[in-house]
Amino acid sequence: MTLAAVSYEEKRVRVKNYGVLGGKSPLLVDVPGTGGKARRLHVLAAAGLAEITWAVGRNLGIRLQIASGWRRHRWTSREHYETFVTEKYGSVRAGRKWLAYDSPHETGLAIDIGVGGLVPNRKTRDEQRETPLHKWLVDNAHRFGWHPYKAEPWHWEFPISKRAWESGEADDEAIEVDAGDDDGDGDDPCVEDEFEEV
């Protein structure tokens, strides 16, 4: 196994393991986003983003910017979610593959990159994996605490301990890795999202 194979490991951030951050949480801070629009991240993810942004700039000459960071929970209830995905995809099971009930973005520990050829768009997934930025991230992002969601080359997560997430203070506590498959069917539960508005 190569170092790149080890470094390109999913370490999923799950809402069930953390909870969600409310919009007024003091743990959310502004970070630069695409189009000059500020995005919000958990304070520790923001620090990790600053470090990797510097490294990407130094190595690739790209100013790393995110198209999305923290987002509010979009559903008023589980029933609201199930009704929506059933109407759109025919069943809850089919809908779960395309649209999540909750998202790691709600924790403030997930980003969608919006530069360097990486954009939140399923239609260009294969091309995005061939960009210099994605290849660099595959080899190096783990050194800055960032891990991929392999189904979406633009989506990266910053798994930390729950204690660090709750306090906003870094610690050395080991994190529990969650590889996915919430429903036990052998598939990752869903494609995270593409900014689809309800």
C-alpha atoms as a PDB file:
ATOM      1  CA  MET A   1       0.000   0.000   0.000  1.00  0.00           C
ATOM      2  CA  THR A   2       1.384   3.411  -0.931  1.00  0.00           C
ATOM      3  CA  LEU A   3       1.496   6.467   1.283  1.00  0.00           C
ATOM      4  CA  ALA A   4      -1.015   8.177  -1.012  1.00  0.00           C
ATOM      5  CA  ALA A   5      -3.416   5.267  -0.542  1.00  0.00           C
ATOM      6  CA  VAL A   6      -3.108   5.615   3.228  1.00  0.00           C
ATOM      7  CA  SER A   7      -3.476   9.384   3.170  1.00  0.00           C
ATOM      8  CA  TYR A   8      -6.526   9.335   0.896  1.00  0.00           C
ATOM      9  CA  GLU A   9      -8.694   7.775   3.570  1.00  0.00           C
ATOM     10  CA  GLU A  10     -12.255   8.738   4.387  1.00  0.00           C
ATOM     11  CA  LYS A  11     -12.741   9.713   8.010  1.00  0.00           C
ATOM     12  CA  ARG A  12     -16.352  10.775   7.850  1.00  0.00           C
ATOM     13  CA  VAL A  13     -17.787  13.491  10.048  1.00  0.00           C
ATOM     14  CA  ARG A  14     -21.247  12.311  11.142  1.00  0.00           C
ATOM     15  CA  VAL A  15     -23.901  14.504  12.715  1.00  0.00           C
ATOM     16  CA  LYS A  16     -24.892  11.557  14.929  1.00  0.00           C
ATOM     17  CA  ASN A  17     -21.397  11.672  16.486  1.00  0.00           C
ATOM     18  CA  TYR A  18     -21.205  15.436  16.981  1.00  0.00           C
ATOM     19  CA  GLY A  19     -24.557  17.184  16.765  1.00  0.00           C
ATOM     20  CA  VAL A  20     -25.216  20.372  14.827  1.00  0.00           C
ATOM     21  CA  LEU A  21     -24.031  23.924  15.361  1.00  0.00           C
ATOM     22  CA  GLY A  22     -26.660  26.632  15.476  1.00  0.00           C
ATOM     23  CA  GLY A  23     -26.120  29.742  13.400  1.00  0.00           C
ATOM     24  CA  LYS A  24     -25.291  31.833  16.478  1.00  0.00           C
ATOM     25  CA  SER A  25     -22.690  29.429  17.864  1.00  0.00           C
ATOM     26  CA  PRO A  26     -19.516  31.233  18.964  1.00  0.00           C
ATOM     27  CA  LEU A  27     -17.620  28.239  17.526  1.00  0.00           C
ATOM     28  CA  LEU A  28     -18.504  29.343  13.976  1.00  0.00           C
ATOM     29  CA  VAL A  29     -16.159  31.851  12.358  1.00  0.00           C
ATOM     30  CA  ASP A  30     -16.081  33.510   8.947  1.00  0.00           C
ATOM     31  CA  VAL A  31     -13.637  32.290   6.294  1.00  0.00           C
ATOM     32  CA  PRO A  32     -13.089  33.570   2.744  1.00  0.00           C
ATOM     33  CA  GLY A  33     -15.341  31.994   0.155  1.00  0.00           C
ATOM     34  CA  THR A  34     -15.785  32.028  -3.584  1.00  0.00           C
ATOM     35  CA  GLY A  35     -17.182  35.167  -5.150  1.00  0.00           C
ATOM     36  CA  GLY A  36     -15.891  37.248  -2.243  1.00  0.00           C
ATOM     37  CA  LYS A  37     -18.645  35.842  -0.008  1.00  0.00           C
ATOM     38  CA  ALA A  38     -17.708  34.803   3.516  1.00  0.00           C
ATOM     39  CA  ARG A  39     -18.539  31.260   4.577  1.00  0.00           C
ATOM     40  CA  ARG A  40     -18.588  29.868   8.106  1.00  0.00           C
ATOM     41  CA  LEU A  41     -16.657  27.005   9.670  1.00  0.00           C
ATOM     42  CA  HIS A  42     -15.989  25.586  13.109  1.00  0.00           C
ATOM     43  CA  VAL A  43     -13.051  27.518  14.566  1.00  0.00           C
ATOM     44  CA  LEU A  44     -10.723  24.482  14.423  1.00  0.00           C
ATOM     45  CA  ALA A  45     -11.694  23.654  10.827  1.00  0.00           C
ATOM     46  CA  ALA A  46     -11.082  27.314   9.964  1.00  0.00           C
ATOM     47  CA  ALA A  47      -7.557  27.040  11.389  1.00  0.00           C
ATOM     48  CA  GLY A  48      -7.000  23.856   9.380  1.00  0.00           C
ATOM     49  CA  LEU A  49      -8.323  25.595   6.276  1.00  0.00           C
ATOM     50  CA  ALA A  50      -5.906  28.499   6.770  1.00  0.00           C
ATOM     51  CA  GLU A  51      -2.966  26.078   6.952  1.00  0.00           C
ATOM     52  CA  ILE A  52      -3.936  24.084   3.870  1.00  0.00           C
ATOM     53  CA  THR A  53      -4.770  27.285   1.956  1.00  0.00           C
ATOM     54  CA  TRP A  54      -1.221  28.507   2.557  1.00  0.00           C
ATOM     55  CA  ALA A  55       0.248  25.174   1.419  1.00  0.00           C
ATOM     56  CA  VAL A  56      -1.915  25.013  -1.727  1.00  0.00           C
ATOM     57  CA  GLY A  57      -0.880  28.559  -2.600  1.00  0.00           C
ATOM     58  CA  ARG A  58       2.785  27.792  -2.070  1.00  0.00           C
ATOM     59  CA  ASN A  59       2.728  24.529  -4.014  1.00  0.00           C
ATOM     60  CA  LEU A  60       0.194  25.203  -6.778  1.00  0.00           C
ATOM     61  CA  GLY A  61      -0.221  28.966  -6.910  1.00  0.00           C
ATOM     62  CA  ILE A  62      -3.969  28.560  -6.262  1.00  0.00           C
ATOM     63  CA  ARG A  63      -5.816  30.608  -3.660  1.00  0.00           C
ATOM     64  CA  LEU A  64      -7.987  27.942  -2.060  1.00  0.00           C
ATOM     65  CA  GLN A  65     -11.558  29.154  -1.546  1.00  0.00           C
ATOM     66  CA  ILE A  66     -14.650  27.309  -0.470  1.00  0.00           C
ATOM     67  CA  ALA A  67     -18.046  27.348  -2.116  1.00  0.00           C
ATOM     68  CA  SER A  68     -19.704  26.028   1.025  1.00  0.00           C
ATOM     69  CA  GLY A  69     -18.950  25.494   4.686  1.00  0.00           C
ATOM     70  CA  TRP A  70     -21.400  25.344   7.586  1.00  0.00           C
ATOM     71  CA  ARG A  71     -25.065  25.061   6.651  1.00  0.00           C
ATOM     72  CA  ARG A  72     -28.260  24.897   8.657  1.00  0.00           C
ATOM     73  CA  HIS A  73     -30.227  21.664   8.895  1.00  0.00           C
ATOM     74  CA  ARG A  74     -32.709  21.953   6.053  1.00  0.00           C
ATOM     75  CA  TRP A  75     -35.539  19.660   7.135  1.00  0.00           C
ATOM     76  CA  THR A  76     -38.251  20.539   9.653  1.00  0.00           C
ATOM     77  CA  SER A  77     -38.676  16.847  10.502  1.00  0.00           C
ATOM     78  CA  ARG A  78     -37.793  13.344   9.336  1.00  0.00           C
ATOM     79  CA  GLU A  79     -41.268  13.206   7.762  1.00  0.00           C
ATOM     80  CA  HIS A  80     -40.555  16.405   5.783  1.00  0.00           C
ATOM     81  CA  TYR A  81     -37.360  14.815   4.443  1.00  0.00           C
ATOM     82  CA  GLU A  82     -39.019  11.501   3.588  1.00  0.00           C
ATOM     83  CA  THR A  83     -41.915  13.212   1.806  1.00  0.00           C
ATOM     84  CA  PHE A  84     -39.518  15.326  -0.254  1.00  0.00           C
ATOM     85  CA  VAL A  85     -37.232  12.471  -1.335  1.00  0.00           C
ATOM     86  CA  THR A  86     -40.165  10.161  -2.066  1.00  0.00           C
ATOM     87  CA  GLU A  87     -41.738  12.780  -4.339  1.00  0.00           C
ATOM     88  CA  LYS A  88     -38.439  13.505  -6.078  1.00  0.00           C
ATOM     89  CA  TYR A  89     -36.852  10.034  -6.281  1.00  0.00           C
ATOM     90  CA  GLY A  90     -39.751   7.581  -5.880  1.00  0.00           C
ATOM     91  CA  SER A  91     -38.827   6.207  -2.451  1.00  0.00           C
ATOM     92  CA  VAL A  92     -36.921   7.072   0.680  1.00  0.00           C
ATOM     93  CA  ARG A  93     -34.336   4.367  -0.099  1.00  0.00           C
ATOM     94  CA  ALA A  94     -33.720   5.749  -3.601  1.00  0.00           C
ATOM     95  CA  GLY A  95     -33.689   9.338  -2.330  1.00  0.00           C
ATOM     96  CA  ARG A  96     -31.136   8.587   0.380  1.00  0.00           C
ATOM     97  CA  LYS A  97     -28.593   7.802  -2.325  1.00  0.00           C
ATOM     98  CA  TRP A  98     -28.895  11.364  -3.661  1.00  0.00           C
ATOM     99  CA  LEU A  99     -29.838  13.576  -0.747  1.00  0.00           C
ATOM    100  CA  ALA A 100     -28.884  13.222   2.909  1.00  0.00           C
ATOM    101  CA  TYR A 101     -31.176  13.819   5.865  1.00  0.00           C
ATOM    102  CA  ASP A 102     -28.305  15.498   7.641  1.00  0.00           C
ATOM    103  CA  SER A 103     -24.943  16.701   6.430  1.00  0.00           C
ATOM    104  CA  PRO A 104     -21.470  17.063   7.903  1.00  0.00           C
ATOM    105  CA  HIS A 105     -21.752  20.704   6.848  1.00  0.00           C
ATOM    106  CA  GLU A 106     -24.120  21.162   9.828  1.00  0.00           C
ATOM    107  CA  THR A 107     -21.187  20.480  12.185  1.00  0.00           C
ATOM    108  CA  GLY A 108     -19.007  23.207  10.667  1.00  0.00           C
ATOM    109  CA  LEU A 109     -16.374  20.560   9.874  1.00  0.00           C
ATOM    110  CA  ALA A 110     -16.981  20.123   6.118  1.00  0.00           C
ATOM    111  CA  ILE A 111     -16.123  22.203   3.075  1.00  0.00           C
ATOM    112  CA  ASP A 112     -16.933  22.186  -0.605  1.00  0.00           C
ATOM    113  CA  ILE A 113     -14.036  23.645  -2.569  1.00  0.00           C
ATOM    114  CA  GLY A 114     -14.944  26.058  -5.346  1.00  0.00           C
ATOM    115  CA  VAL A 115     -11.651  26.776  -7.162  1.00  0.00           C
ATOM    116  CA  GLY A 116      -8.874  25.000  -9.040  1.00  0.00           C
ATOM    117  CA  GLY A 117     -11.294  23.014 -11.160  1.00  0.00           C
ATOM    118  CA  LEU A 118     -13.155  21.656  -8.121  1.00  0.00           C
ATOM    119  CA  VAL A 119     -16.814  22.648  -7.919  1.00  0.00           C
ATOM    120  CA  PRO A 120     -19.883  21.039  -6.339  1.00  0.00           C
ATOM    121  CA  ASN A 121     -21.174  19.373  -9.523  1.00  0.00           C
ATOM    122  CA  ARG A 122     -21.705  15.624  -9.951  1.00  0.00           C
ATOM    123  CA  LYS A 123     -21.640  15.902 -13.740  1.00  0.00           C
ATOM    124  CA  THR A 124     -17.927  16.791 -13.781  1.00  0.00           C
ATOM    125  CA  ARG A 125     -16.758  14.454 -11.003  1.00  0.00           C
ATOM    126  CA  ASP A 126     -14.370  12.427 -13.176  1.00  0.00           C
ATOM    127  CA  GLU A 127     -12.736  15.509 -14.703  1.00  0.00           C
ATOM    128  CA  GLN A 128     -12.344  17.057 -11.253  1.00  0.00           C
ATOM    129  CA  ARG A 129     -10.352  14.048 -10.059  1.00  0.00           C
ATOM    130  CA  GLU A 130      -7.777  14.791 -12.777  1.00  0.00           C
ATOM    131  CA  THR A 131      -7.100  18.406 -11.721  1.00  0.00           C
ATOM    132  CA  PRO A 132      -3.729  19.308 -10.176  1.00  0.00           C
ATOM    133  CA  LEU A 133      -5.546  20.587  -7.066  1.00  0.00           C
ATOM    134  CA  HIS A 134      -7.399  17.326  -6.459  1.00  0.00           C
ATOM    135  CA  LYS A 135      -4.255  15.272  -7.020  1.00  0.00           C
ATOM    136  CA  TRP A 136      -2.368  17.494  -4.552  1.00  0.00           C
ATOM    137  CA  LEU A 137      -5.170  17.160  -1.986  1.00  0.00           C
ATOM    138  CA  VAL A 138      -5.172  13.368  -2.347  1.00  0.00           C
ATOM    139  CA  ASP A 139      -1.465  13.303  -1.510  1.00  0.00           C
ATOM    140  CA  ASN A 140      -1.327  16.062   1.102  1.00  0.00           C
ATOM    141  CA  ALA A 141      -4.659  17.075   2.677  1.00  0.00           C
ATOM    142  CA  HIS A 142      -4.357  14.559   5.518  1.00  0.00           C
ATOM    143  CA  ARG A 143      -1.231  16.370   6.725  1.00  0.00           C
ATOM    144  CA  PHE A 144      -3.492  19.329   7.535  1.00  0.00           C
ATOM    145  CA  GLY A 145      -6.288  17.258   9.096  1.00  0.00           C
ATOM    146  CA  TRP A 146      -8.525  17.155   6.001  1.00  0.00           C
ATOM    147  CA  HIS A 147     -10.008  13.915   4.665  1.00  0.00           C
ATOM    148  CA  PRO A 148     -12.048  13.228   1.534  1.00  0.00           C
ATOM    149  CA  TYR A 149     -15.548  12.114   0.821  1.00  0.00           C
ATOM    150  CA  LYS A 150     -14.479  10.071  -2.178  1.00  0.00           C
ATOM    151  CA  ALA A 151     -17.820  10.302  -4.008  1.00  0.00           C
ATOM    152  CA  GLU A 152     -17.364  14.083  -4.284  1.00  0.00           C
ATOM    153  CA  PRO A 153     -13.880  15.362  -5.170  1.00  0.00           C
ATOM    154  CA  TRP A 154     -14.789  18.890  -4.013  1.00  0.00           C
ATOM    155  CA  HIS A 155     -15.968  17.775  -0.538  1.00  0.00           C
ATOM    156  CA  TRP A 156     -13.459  17.500   2.325  1.00  0.00           C
ATOM    157  CA  GLU A 157     -14.007  16.978   6.056  1.00  0.00           C
ATOM    158  CA  PHE A 158     -12.033  17.915   9.175  1.00  0.00           C
ATOM    159  CA  PRO A 159     -12.681  15.170  11.753  1.00  0.00           C
ATOM    160  CA  ILE A 160     -11.781  16.095  15.321  1.00  0.00           C
ATOM    161  CA  SER A 161     -12.723  14.699  18.713  1.00  0.00           C
ATOM    162  CA  LYS A 162     -16.144  15.554  20.069  1.00  0.00           C
ATOM    163  CA  ARG A 163     -14.449  17.268  23.008  1.00  0.00           C
ATOM    164  CA  ALA A 164     -12.518  19.554  20.621  1.00  0.00           C
ATOM    165  CA  TRP A 165     -15.700  20.167  18.594  1.00  0.00           C
ATOM    166  CA  GLU A 166     -17.617  21.175  21.731  1.00  0.00           C
ATOM    167  CA  SER A 167     -14.869  23.345  23.246  1.00  0.00           C
ATOM    168  CA  GLY A 168     -13.193  24.807  20.166  1.00  0.00           C
ATOM    169  CA  GLU A 169      -9.834  23.829  21.657  1.00  0.00           C
ATOM    170  CA  ALA A 170      -7.560  21.354  19.892  1.00  0.00           C
ATOM    171  CA  ASP A 171      -6.683  18.154  21.692  1.00  0.00           C
ATOM    172  CA  ASP A 172      -4.831  14.946  20.924  1.00  0.00           C
ATOM    173  CA  GLU A 173      -7.813  12.673  21.524  1.00  0.00           C
ATOM    174  CA  ALA A 174      -8.150  10.016  18.847  1.00  0.00           C
ATOM    175  CA  ILE A 175     -11.197  10.305  16.651  1.00  0.00           C
ATOM    176  CA  GLU A 176     -13.437   7.403  15.778  1.00  0.00           C
ATOM    177  CA  VAL A 177     -13.497   6.780  12.041  1.00  0.00           C
ATOM    178  CA  ASP A 178     -16.929   6.225  10.500  1.00  0.00           C
ATOM    179  CA  ALA A 179     -16.668   4.794   7.005  1.00  0.00           C
ATOM    180  CA  GLY A 180     -20.370   5.199   6.241  1.00  0.00           C
ATOM    181  CA  ASP A 181     -23.035   2.680   5.264  1.00  0.00           C
ATOM    182  CA  ASP A 182     -25.656   3.858   7.755  1.00  0.00           C
ATOM    183  CA  ASP A 183     -28.296   1.437   6.461  1.00  0.00           C
ATOM    184  CA  GLY A 184     -26.092  -1.663   6.160  1.00  0.00           C
ATOM    185  CA  ASP A 185     -26.716  -2.193   2.449  1.00  0.00           C
ATOM    186  CA  GLY A 186     -23.035  -1.986   1.499  1.00  0.00           C
ATOM    187  CA  ASP A 187     -23.364   1.458  -0.082  1.00  0.00           C
ATOM    188  CA  ASP A 188     -22.358   4.828   1.264  1.00  0.00           C
ATOM    189  CA  PRO A 189     -25.648   6.400   2.324  1.00  0.00           C
ATOM    190  CA  CYS A 190     -25.846   9.216  -0.202  1.00  0.00           C
ATOM    191  CA  VAL A 191     -24.176  11.800  -2.304  1.00  0.00           C
ATOM    192  CA  GLU A 192     -23.895  14.677   0.144  1.00  0.00           C
ATOM    193  CA  ASP A 193     -25.506  17.442  -1.881  1.00  0.00           C
ATOM    194  CA  GLU A 194     -25.230  20.025  -4.603  1.00  0.00           C
ATOM    195  CA  PHE A 195     -26.742  23.098  -2.919  1.00  0.00           C
ATOM    196  CA  GLU A 196     -30.238  21.993  -3.867  1.00  0.00           C
ATOM    197  CA  GLU A 197     -32.766  24.320  -2.287  1.00  0.00           C
ATOM    198  CA  VAL A 198     -36.032  23.008  -0.858  1.00  0.00           C
END
